[in-house]
Amino acid sequence: MRRSLLAILFATLATAAHAQLPEPVAQLLQAARIPQEAVGAIVLRDGVPLLSHGAERSMQAASTMKLFTTMVALDELGPVFRGRTELRTDAELVRGVLRGDLYLRGGADADLSEDVLTRMLQELRNQGVWRIKGDIVLDRQLFQPAQPDPHAPPFDEYPYAYYNVVPDALLLNTNLLRLELRSTGGQLSAVMLPAMDKVGLKADLKLVDAPCAEWENGWKRPEAVRTDGKINVVLRGTFPRDCSISTSVNVLDRHDYLERLLRTTWKRLGGVLNGDVREASPDATTPPTSRLLAAHVSRPLPELLRDINKPSDNTLARTLFLSLGSLETDSALGSHPLPPSADSTAVRAEQRIHAWLREHGIATEGLVLENGSGLSRLERATPAQLAGVLQAGQRSLWMPEFLSSLPIAGLDGTMRKRLKDSPAALHARLKTGSLHAVVAIAGYVPDASGHPCVVVALINDEHVANGAGRAVLDALVDWVARGPQPPVATR
């Protein structure tokens, strides 16, 4: 009873007044010329606020928005959820000839790769199929719209970069081309993988005297140039002498990418395709009467969560967000599509997250979701909302799975180089976020007695650049790790 009354007293004190930021945090803010009004922060211990500063302010939260997507997905889809890719047909197979269409149906399979595609097509060959008399139909219709708008403005000046890849339900290899560039003896060699039908590489790069570590400084935006049915990926700019690098770029149209890799792989396996490779339409998807020929399932959700939160993978997060708007999990049937709706998949995902928040008593005012990854100029959340998600995570049946997805301070993920000299090192589990004029952190920090505290801090200000904002956030985490502290407040 005494503990309960004390908790109520602390909560009342912290929420009734404007909380004062810890002195180390305030000093770093002042030195960086970041106003305290640009900061939103909350620290909870057993649900009691130790610090609350602008906690109800709706702010850009960058990649800490992934906590909404991953925690809700874990609760709603469950830890056994897996995306799925299928090869299906309703055509007759006669003496190795498939007398109709073959459907490649996408099901939010985050592990769909060229190796997976090869294994699925080899399984088809193992069943005796050597000729496809109809078309191969690419069914991306699980997500609506099925493909991203090609005319949508790019997020930044690097649309070809991995972090900018927009997912669809049948995204192969994350649509990336792997480039291996090596310059020795005044000569440049360039190799592109995977090999694709009628896709080549032209490296129009001038060799210069420059550090290999700065190779991107002379890099110009790669282009895919189409001529007479062939595509050349053209690299322009400069490249350092005596340098070797490996990188990946997203420059091919996703239909071209999958079609040409399909043709190359099927031909290499000894298969023949008489028809075309075409996209399914909303009114002409995989027939419900089709039979399964081959399938692949992704790793279970907890493994994917680690790949989302630790390195802060935007494409995987966006795929999972869209999965929330398109799939549900049944203990008996596994994952299956939600009933049809006139709303887009992204809108349905947003609705599902809002419903989950309301079920857990978390206010939704000020929350703006666009793609669930934080790679957005629109997405916003309050520190209190993020703290509510983290508290719900502590109560969840799947707390171990959620916790294991978060970067460990001073050890791995986006926190591997941070807080190494703090008592938070190896103990705090924290999701980070960073955009232009935005830094953020949210997670669990044990205090000096080892008791876990929920910590959220967002800064929206131009002066966070060059590590200044990150230093402020680390100072707050360090302050918590050296605690506990009583609630601090000023009138």
Protein backbone atom coordinates (compact mmCIF):
# COMPACT_ATOMS: atom_id res chain seq x y z
CA MET A 1 0.00 0.00 0.00
CA ARG A 2 2.80 2.40 0.94
CA ARG A 3 4.59 1.69 -2.37
CA SER A 4 1.36 2.33 -4.29
CA LEU A 5 0.74 5.66 -2.54
CA LEU A 6 4.33 6.69 -3.14
CA ALA A 7 4.00 5.84 -6.82
CA ILE A 8 0.88 7.99 -7.10
CA LEU A 9 2.64 10.86 -5.33
CA PHE A 10 5.65 10.67 -7.65
CA ALA A 11 3.44 10.45 -10.74
CA THR A 12 1.40 13.46 -9.66
CA LEU A 13 4.54 15.48 -8.93
CA ALA A 14 6.14 14.64 -12.26
CA THR A 15 3.10 15.34 -14.40
CA ALA A 16 1.93 18.48 -12.60
CA ALA A 17 5.11 20.46 -13.23
CA HIS A 18 7.64 21.12 -15.97
CA ALA A 19 10.45 18.64 -15.40
CA GLN A 20 14.00 19.89 -15.27
CA LEU A 21 16.48 18.08 -17.48
CA PRO A 22 19.49 16.55 -15.71
CA GLU A 23 22.46 18.91 -15.49
CA PRO A 24 24.77 16.91 -17.82
CA VAL A 25 22.02 16.92 -20.46
CA ALA A 26 21.25 20.62 -20.02
CA GLN A 27 24.93 21.54 -20.33
CA LEU A 28 25.36 19.65 -23.58
CA LEU A 29 22.19 21.21 -25.00
CA GLN A 30 23.47 24.67 -24.17
CA ALA A 31 26.89 23.97 -25.68
CA ALA A 32 25.26 22.73 -28.90
CA ARG A 33 22.80 25.68 -28.98
CA ILE A 34 19.84 23.28 -28.91
CA PRO A 35 16.87 24.82 -27.05
CA GLN A 36 15.27 22.69 -24.36
CA GLU A 37 11.95 23.21 -26.15
CA ALA A 38 13.33 21.03 -28.97
CA VAL A 39 13.58 18.07 -26.60
CA GLY A 40 10.91 15.60 -25.57
CA ALA A 41 11.91 13.05 -22.94
CA ILE A 42 10.45 10.66 -20.42
CA VAL A 43 12.03 8.19 -17.97
CA LEU A 44 9.85 5.67 -16.15
CA ARG A 45 10.71 3.26 -13.35
CA ASP A 46 7.91 0.81 -12.57
CA GLY A 47 5.60 3.19 -14.43
CA VAL A 48 6.58 6.12 -12.18
CA PRO A 49 8.04 9.13 -14.02
CA LEU A 50 11.56 9.95 -12.88
CA LEU A 51 11.68 12.58 -15.61
CA SER A 52 9.05 14.03 -17.90
CA HIS A 53 9.96 16.88 -20.23
CA GLY A 54 7.71 17.62 -23.20
CA ALA A 55 6.54 14.01 -23.08
CA GLU A 56 3.20 14.81 -24.76
CA ARG A 57 4.78 16.78 -27.61
CA SER A 58 4.25 15.24 -31.07
CA MET A 59 7.67 15.09 -32.72
CA GLN A 60 9.58 13.46 -35.55
CA ALA A 61 10.89 10.23 -34.07
CA ALA A 62 12.97 8.84 -36.97
CA SER A 63 13.66 5.11 -36.68
CA THR A 64 12.29 4.76 -33.16
CA MET A 65 8.97 4.56 -35.06
CA LYS A 66 10.01 0.97 -35.81
CA LEU A 67 9.04 0.15 -32.21
CA PHE A 68 5.37 0.66 -33.10
CA THR A 69 5.67 -1.67 -36.09
CA THR A 70 7.72 -4.41 -34.45
CA MET A 71 5.93 -4.55 -31.10
CA VAL A 72 2.45 -4.51 -32.63
CA ALA A 73 3.45 -7.10 -35.26
CA LEU A 74 4.84 -9.38 -32.56
CA ASP A 75 1.57 -9.16 -30.60
CA GLU A 76 -0.80 -9.26 -33.58
CA LEU A 77 0.94 -11.68 -35.93
CA GLY A 78 2.69 -13.73 -33.25
CA PRO A 79 6.23 -15.10 -32.98
CA VAL A 80 5.57 -17.96 -35.41
CA PHE A 81 4.56 -15.63 -38.25
CA ARG A 82 6.42 -16.18 -41.51
CA GLY A 83 6.07 -14.59 -44.93
CA ARG A 84 5.51 -17.01 -47.79
CA THR A 85 6.24 -17.26 -51.53
CA GLU A 86 4.46 -19.83 -53.70
CA LEU A 87 4.61 -21.29 -57.20
CA ARG A 88 1.11 -22.37 -58.20
CA THR A 89 -0.81 -23.39 -61.30
CA ASP A 90 -4.24 -24.54 -62.45
CA ALA A 91 -2.82 -25.87 -65.72
CA GLU A 92 -2.52 -29.50 -66.75
CA LEU A 93 0.94 -31.10 -66.77
CA VAL A 94 1.43 -33.44 -69.74
CA ARG A 95 4.76 -35.17 -70.34
CA GLY A 96 6.70 -32.38 -68.67
CA VAL A 97 4.80 -29.56 -70.39
CA LEU A 98 2.75 -27.20 -68.21
CA ARG A 99 -0.13 -26.36 -70.54
CA GLY A 100 -1.00 -22.99 -69.04
CA ASP A 101 0.21 -20.27 -66.74
CA LEU A 102 2.54 -20.54 -63.76
CA TYR A 103 1.89 -18.11 -60.89
CA LEU A 104 4.59 -16.77 -58.61
CA ARG A 105 2.59 -15.43 -55.66
CA GLY A 106 4.18 -13.05 -53.18
CA GLY A 107 3.32 -13.23 -49.51
CA ALA A 108 5.57 -10.69 -47.75
CA ASP A 109 8.51 -13.10 -47.73
CA ALA A 110 11.37 -10.95 -46.41
CA ASP A 111 13.91 -13.70 -47.23
CA LEU A 112 13.07 -14.06 -50.92
CA SER A 113 16.43 -14.17 -52.72
CA GLU A 114 17.99 -15.45 -55.95
CA ASP A 115 18.98 -18.65 -54.12
CA VAL A 116 15.40 -19.16 -52.96
CA LEU A 117 14.12 -18.58 -56.50
CA THR A 118 16.61 -21.12 -57.84
CA ARG A 119 15.54 -23.74 -55.30
CA MET A 120 11.85 -23.21 -56.08
CA LEU A 121 12.41 -23.51 -59.84
CA GLN A 122 14.61 -26.57 -59.30
CA GLU A 123 11.76 -28.15 -57.35
CA LEU A 124 9.60 -27.55 -60.39
CA ARG A 125 12.15 -29.31 -62.58
CA ASN A 126 12.33 -32.16 -60.06
CA GLN A 127 8.60 -32.70 -60.60
CA GLY A 128 9.28 -33.21 -64.30
CA VAL A 129 8.31 -29.76 -65.56
CA TRP A 130 10.65 -28.64 -68.34
CA ARG A 131 8.43 -26.45 -70.51
CA ILE A 132 5.94 -23.75 -69.52
CA LYS A 133 3.56 -23.27 -72.43
CA GLY A 134 1.76 -20.31 -70.86
CA ASP A 135 3.01 -17.22 -69.04
CA ILE A 136 4.73 -16.76 -65.72
CA VAL A 137 2.47 -14.40 -63.76
CA LEU A 138 3.99 -12.29 -60.99
CA ASP A 139 1.35 -11.86 -58.30
CA ARG A 140 2.19 -8.92 -56.01
CA GLN A 141 -1.45 -8.20 -55.19
CA LEU A 142 -1.25 -8.97 -51.46
CA PHE A 143 -0.27 -5.32 -50.93
CA GLN A 144 -2.35 -2.50 -52.38
CA PRO A 145 -1.08 -0.69 -54.32
CA ALA A 146 0.82 -3.70 -55.65
CA GLN A 147 3.86 -1.63 -56.63
CA PRO A 148 5.14 1.74 -55.44
CA ASP A 149 4.34 4.75 -57.56
CA PRO A 150 7.31 5.18 -59.96
CA HIS A 151 6.56 8.90 -60.16
CA ALA A 152 6.64 9.49 -56.40
CA PRO A 153 9.41 11.91 -55.40
CA PRO A 154 12.46 10.20 -53.88
CA PHE A 155 13.01 10.56 -50.15
CA ASP A 156 16.47 12.05 -50.65
CA GLU A 157 19.22 12.39 -53.25
CA TYR A 158 20.13 8.70 -52.98
CA PRO A 159 17.11 6.83 -54.38
CA TYR A 160 19.39 3.98 -55.49
CA ALA A 161 20.59 3.31 -51.91
CA TYR A 162 19.44 0.19 -50.06
CA TYR A 163 17.71 2.08 -47.26
CA ASN A 164 15.40 3.72 -49.81
CA VAL A 165 14.03 0.50 -51.34
CA VAL A 166 10.22 0.46 -51.15
CA PRO A 167 8.87 -3.07 -50.62
CA ASP A 168 6.18 -5.00 -52.40
CA ALA A 169 4.74 -8.43 -51.66
CA LEU A 170 7.10 -10.13 -54.15
CA LEU A 171 10.36 -8.27 -53.57
CA LEU A 172 13.29 -10.40 -54.73
CA ASN A 173 16.82 -9.67 -53.44
CA THR A 174 15.48 -6.32 -52.21
CA ASN A 175 15.75 -5.42 -55.92
CA LEU A 176 19.49 -4.83 -55.44
CA LEU A 177 22.38 -5.33 -57.84
CA ARG A 178 25.71 -6.17 -56.21
CA LEU A 179 28.68 -4.33 -57.69
CA GLU A 180 32.30 -5.37 -57.24
CA LEU A 181 34.74 -2.65 -58.35
CA ARG A 182 38.52 -3.06 -58.33
CA SER A 183 41.24 -0.83 -59.73
CA THR A 184 44.82 -2.12 -60.07
CA GLY A 185 47.68 -1.02 -62.31
CA GLY A 186 45.63 1.73 -63.90
CA GLN A 187 42.88 -0.70 -64.92
CA LEU A 188 39.33 -0.93 -63.58
CA SER A 189 37.36 -4.16 -63.38
CA ALA A 190 33.64 -4.14 -62.63
CA VAL A 191 31.41 -7.12 -61.98
CA MET A 192 27.65 -7.09 -61.41
CA LEU A 193 25.63 -9.83 -59.72
CA PRO A 194 23.28 -11.58 -60.13
CA ALA A 195 23.58 -12.38 -63.84
CA MET A 196 20.40 -11.48 -65.70
CA ASP A 197 19.01 -11.95 -69.17
CA LYS A 198 20.13 -9.02 -71.39
CA VAL A 199 21.36 -6.87 -68.49
CA GLY A 200 24.92 -5.55 -68.64
CA LEU A 201 27.24 -3.21 -66.76
CA LYS A 202 29.14 -0.25 -68.20
CA ALA A 203 31.64 1.35 -65.82
CA ASP A 204 32.40 4.77 -67.27
CA LEU A 205 34.58 5.79 -64.32
CA LYS A 206 37.74 7.89 -64.39
CA LEU A 207 40.54 6.70 -62.11
CA VAL A 208 41.87 9.41 -59.79
CA ASP A 209 44.34 9.75 -56.92
CA ALA A 210 42.07 9.67 -53.86
CA PRO A 211 41.71 7.64 -50.66
CA CYS A 212 39.80 4.41 -51.21
CA ALA A 213 37.69 5.16 -48.12
CA GLU A 214 36.34 8.24 -49.94
CA TRP A 215 35.35 6.46 -53.14
CA GLU A 216 31.73 7.65 -52.91
CA ASN A 217 32.82 11.30 -53.16
CA GLY A 218 33.30 10.92 -56.92
CA TRP A 219 30.28 8.68 -57.42
CA LYS A 220 27.42 9.87 -59.60
CA ARG A 221 23.94 8.43 -59.56
CA PRO A 222 23.90 5.07 -61.44
CA GLU A 223 21.43 4.74 -64.29
CA ALA A 224 19.68 1.89 -66.08
CA VAL A 225 19.72 2.65 -69.81
CA ARG A 226 17.38 0.60 -72.00
CA THR A 227 18.28 0.02 -75.68
CA ASP A 228 16.63 -2.49 -78.05
CA GLY A 229 15.38 -4.73 -75.25
CA LYS A 230 18.71 -4.67 -73.44
CA ILE A 231 19.53 -2.81 -70.25
CA ASN A 232 22.91 -1.37 -69.34
CA VAL A 233 23.61 -0.24 -65.79
CA VAL A 234 25.89 2.76 -66.30
CA LEU A 235 28.31 3.98 -63.63
CA ARG A 236 29.73 7.47 -64.01
CA GLY A 237 32.11 9.71 -62.08
CA THR A 238 35.51 8.97 -60.61
CA PHE A 239 37.02 6.05 -58.72
CA PRO A 240 40.27 5.88 -56.70
CA ARG A 241 43.30 4.06 -58.01
CA ASP A 242 44.31 0.86 -56.22
CA CYS A 243 40.93 0.49 -54.58
CA SER A 244 38.51 -2.40 -54.12
CA ILE A 245 34.93 -1.98 -52.93
CA SER A 246 31.65 -3.88 -52.85
CA THR A 247 28.31 -2.08 -52.87
CA SER A 248 24.67 -2.58 -53.85
CA VAL A 249 22.37 -0.34 -55.87
CA ASN A 250 18.65 -0.23 -56.61
CA VAL A 251 18.35 1.02 -60.20
CA LEU A 252 16.34 -1.59 -62.11
CA ASP A 253 12.58 -1.52 -62.44
CA ARG A 254 11.35 -4.34 -60.21
CA HIS A 255 9.49 -6.09 -63.03
CA ASP A 256 12.62 -6.05 -65.17
CA TYR A 257 14.65 -7.36 -62.24
CA LEU A 258 12.44 -10.33 -61.48
CA GLU A 259 11.55 -11.13 -65.10
CA ARG A 260 15.14 -11.20 -66.31
CA LEU A 261 16.41 -13.16 -63.32
CA LEU A 262 13.55 -15.66 -63.76
CA ARG A 263 14.36 -16.18 -67.43
CA THR A 264 18.08 -16.63 -66.74
CA THR A 265 17.53 -19.05 -63.87
CA TRP A 266 14.88 -21.15 -65.62
CA LYS A 267 17.06 -21.44 -68.74
CA ARG A 268 20.12 -22.40 -66.66
CA LEU A 269 18.09 -25.20 -65.05
CA GLY A 270 17.18 -26.55 -68.50
CA GLY A 271 13.69 -25.10 -68.60
CA VAL A 272 11.87 -23.54 -71.56
CA LEU A 273 9.35 -20.69 -71.39
CA ASN A 274 7.05 -20.22 -74.38
CA GLY A 275 5.01 -17.35 -72.94
CA ASP A 276 5.74 -14.00 -71.33
CA VAL A 277 6.53 -12.91 -67.80
CA ARG A 278 3.75 -10.51 -66.81
CA GLU A 279 2.25 -8.83 -63.76
CA ALA A 280 -1.01 -9.98 -62.21
CA SER A 281 -3.80 -7.43 -61.99
CA PRO A 282 -6.27 -6.91 -59.11
CA ASP A 283 -9.00 -8.78 -61.01
CA ALA A 284 -6.68 -11.51 -62.35
CA THR A 285 -4.63 -12.90 -59.47
CA THR A 286 -3.57 -16.45 -58.66
CA PRO A 287 -6.69 -18.63 -59.16
CA PRO A 288 -8.15 -19.93 -55.88
CA THR A 289 -8.40 -23.39 -57.49
CA SER A 290 -4.67 -23.50 -58.28
CA ARG A 291 -2.49 -26.21 -56.79
CA LEU A 292 0.80 -25.67 -54.99
CA LEU A 293 3.98 -26.72 -56.80
CA ALA A 294 6.68 -25.16 -54.61
CA ALA A 295 6.89 -22.80 -51.65
CA HIS A 296 9.32 -20.92 -49.44
CA VAL A 297 8.72 -19.40 -46.02
CA SER A 298 10.79 -16.70 -44.36
CA ARG A 299 12.48 -17.01 -41.00
CA PRO A 300 10.11 -16.64 -38.02
CA LEU A 301 9.21 -13.12 -36.96
CA PRO A 302 11.55 -12.85 -33.92
CA GLU A 303 14.56 -13.41 -36.18
CA LEU A 304 13.33 -10.76 -38.60
CA LEU A 305 12.79 -8.31 -35.73
CA ARG A 306 16.49 -8.49 -34.90
CA ASP A 307 17.31 -7.71 -38.52
CA ILE A 308 14.92 -4.75 -38.38
CA ASN A 309 15.78 -3.13 -35.07
CA LYS A 310 19.48 -3.80 -34.59
CA PRO A 311 20.72 -2.35 -37.92
CA SER A 312 17.53 -0.26 -38.36
CA ASP A 313 16.51 -1.81 -41.67
CA ASN A 314 13.88 0.38 -43.33
CA THR A 315 12.83 -2.01 -46.09
CA LEU A 316 12.23 -4.90 -43.70
CA ALA A 317 10.31 -2.59 -41.35
CA ARG A 318 8.13 -1.35 -44.20
CA THR A 319 7.47 -4.93 -45.32
CA LEU A 320 6.37 -5.85 -41.80
CA PHE A 321 4.20 -2.71 -41.57
CA LEU A 322 2.41 -3.70 -44.80
CA SER A 323 2.09 -7.26 -43.51
CA LEU A 324 0.09 -5.83 -40.60
CA GLY A 325 -2.27 -4.31 -43.14
CA SER A 326 -2.68 -7.48 -45.18
CA LEU A 327 -2.21 -10.62 -43.06
CA GLU A 328 -3.36 -12.27 -39.87
CA THR A 329 -2.16 -15.39 -38.10
CA ASP A 330 -4.38 -18.28 -37.08
CA SER A 331 -3.00 -21.02 -34.83
CA ALA A 332 -4.55 -23.67 -37.04
CA LEU A 333 -4.24 -22.17 -40.50
CA GLY A 334 -1.05 -20.14 -40.17
CA SER A 335 -0.84 -16.76 -41.90
CA HIS A 336 -3.57 -15.81 -44.34
CA PRO A 337 -4.85 -12.60 -45.97
CA LEU A 338 -7.22 -10.28 -44.19
CA PRO A 339 -10.69 -9.84 -45.72
CA PRO A 340 -10.77 -7.50 -48.75
CA SER A 341 -11.03 -3.77 -48.10
CA ALA A 342 -11.29 -0.57 -50.12
CA ASP A 343 -8.52 0.96 -47.99
CA SER A 344 -4.87 0.78 -49.01
CA THR A 345 -2.64 -1.68 -47.19
CA ALA A 346 -0.76 1.15 -45.47
CA VAL A 347 -4.02 2.65 -44.16
CA ARG A 348 -5.12 -0.74 -42.82
CA ALA A 349 -1.76 -1.16 -41.08
CA GLU A 350 -2.15 2.26 -39.47
CA GLN A 351 -5.66 1.37 -38.31
CA ARG A 352 -4.41 -1.87 -36.79
CA ILE A 353 -1.64 -0.11 -34.86
CA HIS A 354 -4.08 2.53 -33.58
CA ALA A 355 -6.46 -0.20 -32.43
CA TRP A 356 -3.64 -1.99 -30.60
CA LEU A 357 -2.61 1.22 -28.87
CA ARG A 358 -6.17 1.88 -27.70
CA GLU A 359 -6.42 -1.68 -26.37
CA HIS A 360 -3.31 -1.01 -24.28
CA GLY A 361 -4.55 2.33 -22.98
CA ILE A 362 -2.08 4.39 -25.04
CA ALA A 363 -3.35 7.69 -26.41
CA THR A 364 -3.13 8.06 -30.19
CA GLU A 365 -3.40 11.86 -30.48
CA GLY A 366 -0.33 13.24 -32.23
CA LEU A 367 0.69 9.89 -33.74
CA VAL A 368 1.23 9.98 -37.51
CA LEU A 369 2.16 6.79 -39.38
CA GLU A 370 3.16 6.63 -43.03
CA ASN A 371 5.28 3.54 -43.61
CA GLY A 372 6.16 2.31 -40.11
CA SER A 373 9.93 2.66 -40.52
CA GLY A 374 10.58 6.27 -39.52
CA LEU A 375 12.09 7.02 -42.95
CA SER A 376 9.52 9.73 -43.44
CA ARG A 377 9.07 13.47 -43.19
CA LEU A 378 5.49 12.91 -42.00
CA GLU A 379 5.71 10.32 -39.22
CA ARG A 380 5.46 11.69 -35.71
CA ALA A 381 4.94 10.39 -32.19
CA THR A 382 5.12 11.62 -28.61
CA PRO A 383 7.72 10.37 -26.14
CA ALA A 384 4.83 9.23 -23.93
CA GLN A 385 3.44 7.05 -26.76
CA LEU A 386 6.80 5.41 -27.35
CA ALA A 387 7.16 4.85 -23.61
CA GLY A 388 3.70 3.26 -23.60
CA VAL A 389 4.76 0.82 -26.34
CA LEU A 390 7.88 -0.08 -24.34
CA GLN A 391 5.81 -0.61 -21.19
CA ALA A 392 3.41 -2.84 -23.14
CA GLY A 393 6.46 -4.74 -24.34
CA GLN A 394 7.46 -5.41 -20.74
CA ARG A 395 4.03 -6.94 -20.07
CA SER A 396 3.86 -8.92 -23.31
CA LEU A 397 4.14 -12.69 -23.49
CA TRP A 398 6.76 -12.05 -26.15
CA MET A 399 8.94 -9.68 -24.10
CA PRO A 400 12.10 -11.85 -24.54
CA GLU A 401 11.67 -11.83 -28.32
CA PHE A 402 11.07 -8.08 -28.42
CA LEU A 403 13.95 -7.28 -26.08
CA SER A 404 16.40 -9.41 -28.02
CA SER A 405 15.69 -7.36 -31.16
CA LEU A 406 17.00 -4.11 -29.67
CA PRO A 407 20.62 -2.96 -30.07
CA ILE A 408 22.83 -3.47 -27.01
CA ALA A 409 24.73 -0.38 -25.88
CA GLY A 410 28.42 -0.62 -26.67
CA LEU A 411 28.08 -4.01 -28.35
CA ASP A 412 25.98 -4.35 -31.50
CA GLY A 413 23.65 -2.81 -34.03
CA THR A 414 23.38 0.96 -34.18
CA MET A 415 24.55 1.18 -30.53
CA ARG A 416 27.81 -0.74 -30.98
CA LYS A 417 30.07 2.34 -30.73
CA ARG A 418 28.07 4.27 -28.16
CA LEU A 419 28.22 4.45 -24.34
CA LYS A 420 31.23 2.13 -24.10
CA ASP A 421 32.47 3.95 -20.96
CA SER A 422 29.06 4.17 -19.31
CA PRO A 423 27.50 1.73 -16.83
CA ALA A 424 24.81 1.40 -19.53
CA ALA A 425 27.29 -0.48 -21.74
CA LEU A 426 26.29 -4.14 -22.34
CA HIS A 427 23.12 -3.59 -20.28
CA ALA A 428 20.93 -0.98 -22.01
CA ARG A 429 18.79 -2.08 -24.97
CA LEU A 430 18.01 0.93 -27.13
CA LYS A 431 16.44 1.67 -30.51
CA THR A 432 18.06 4.66 -32.19
CA GLY A 433 16.79 7.08 -34.79
CA SER A 434 18.38 9.70 -37.02
CA LEU A 435 17.19 11.98 -39.81
CA HIS A 436 18.15 15.46 -40.88
CA ALA A 437 17.58 17.64 -37.79
CA VAL A 438 16.29 14.63 -35.81
CA VAL A 439 17.89 12.28 -33.30
CA ALA A 440 16.04 9.85 -31.08
CA ILE A 441 16.51 7.00 -28.66
CA ALA A 442 14.05 4.67 -26.93
CA GLY A 443 14.41 1.50 -24.92
CA TYR A 444 15.30 -0.06 -21.60
CA VAL A 445 18.12 1.12 -19.33
CA PRO A 446 18.89 -0.63 -16.01
CA ASP A 447 19.60 1.83 -13.19
CA ALA A 448 22.45 1.42 -10.67
CA SER A 449 20.52 -1.27 -8.82
CA GLY A 450 19.83 -3.18 -12.04
CA HIS A 451 16.16 -2.19 -12.16
CA PRO A 452 14.96 -1.58 -15.75
CA CYS A 453 13.81 1.92 -16.65
CA VAL A 454 11.94 2.93 -19.79
CA VAL A 455 13.82 5.76 -21.49
CA VAL A 456 12.64 7.82 -24.48
CA ALA A 457 14.19 11.03 -25.79
CA LEU A 458 13.58 12.87 -29.07
CA ILE A 459 15.33 16.02 -30.32
CA ASN A 460 14.07 17.99 -33.33
CA ASP A 461 16.54 20.76 -34.14
CA GLU A 462 19.07 21.69 -36.83
CA HIS A 463 21.90 21.72 -34.30
CA VAL A 464 21.82 17.95 -33.65
CA ALA A 465 24.30 17.45 -36.53
CA ASN A 466 27.89 16.24 -36.17
CA GLY A 467 27.11 14.10 -33.14
CA ALA A 468 25.92 16.93 -30.88
CA GLY A 469 22.40 15.55 -30.53
CA ARG A 470 23.65 12.01 -30.06
CA ALA A 471 25.89 13.17 -27.20
CA VAL A 472 22.85 14.67 -25.46
CA LEU A 473 20.90 11.42 -25.73
CA ASP A 474 23.84 9.38 -24.48
CA ALA A 475 24.19 11.72 -21.50
CA LEU A 476 20.57 11.07 -20.56
CA VAL A 477 21.03 7.30 -20.81
CA ASP A 478 24.20 7.53 -18.72
CA TRP A 479 22.33 9.60 -16.10
CA VAL A 480 19.67 6.90 -15.81
CA ALA A 481 22.26 4.11 -15.62
CA ARG A 482 23.98 5.87 -12.70
CA GLY A 483 20.65 6.37 -10.85
CA PRO A 484 18.04 5.84 -9.56
CA GLN A 485 17.06 9.44 -9.20
CA PRO A 486 13.98 10.87 -7.50
CA PRO A 487 11.48 12.71 -9.71
CA VAL A 488 12.88 16.14 -10.59
CA ALA A 489 10.68 19.10 -11.27
CA THR A 490 10.57 22.87 -11.15
CA ARG A 491 7.58 25.08 -10.75
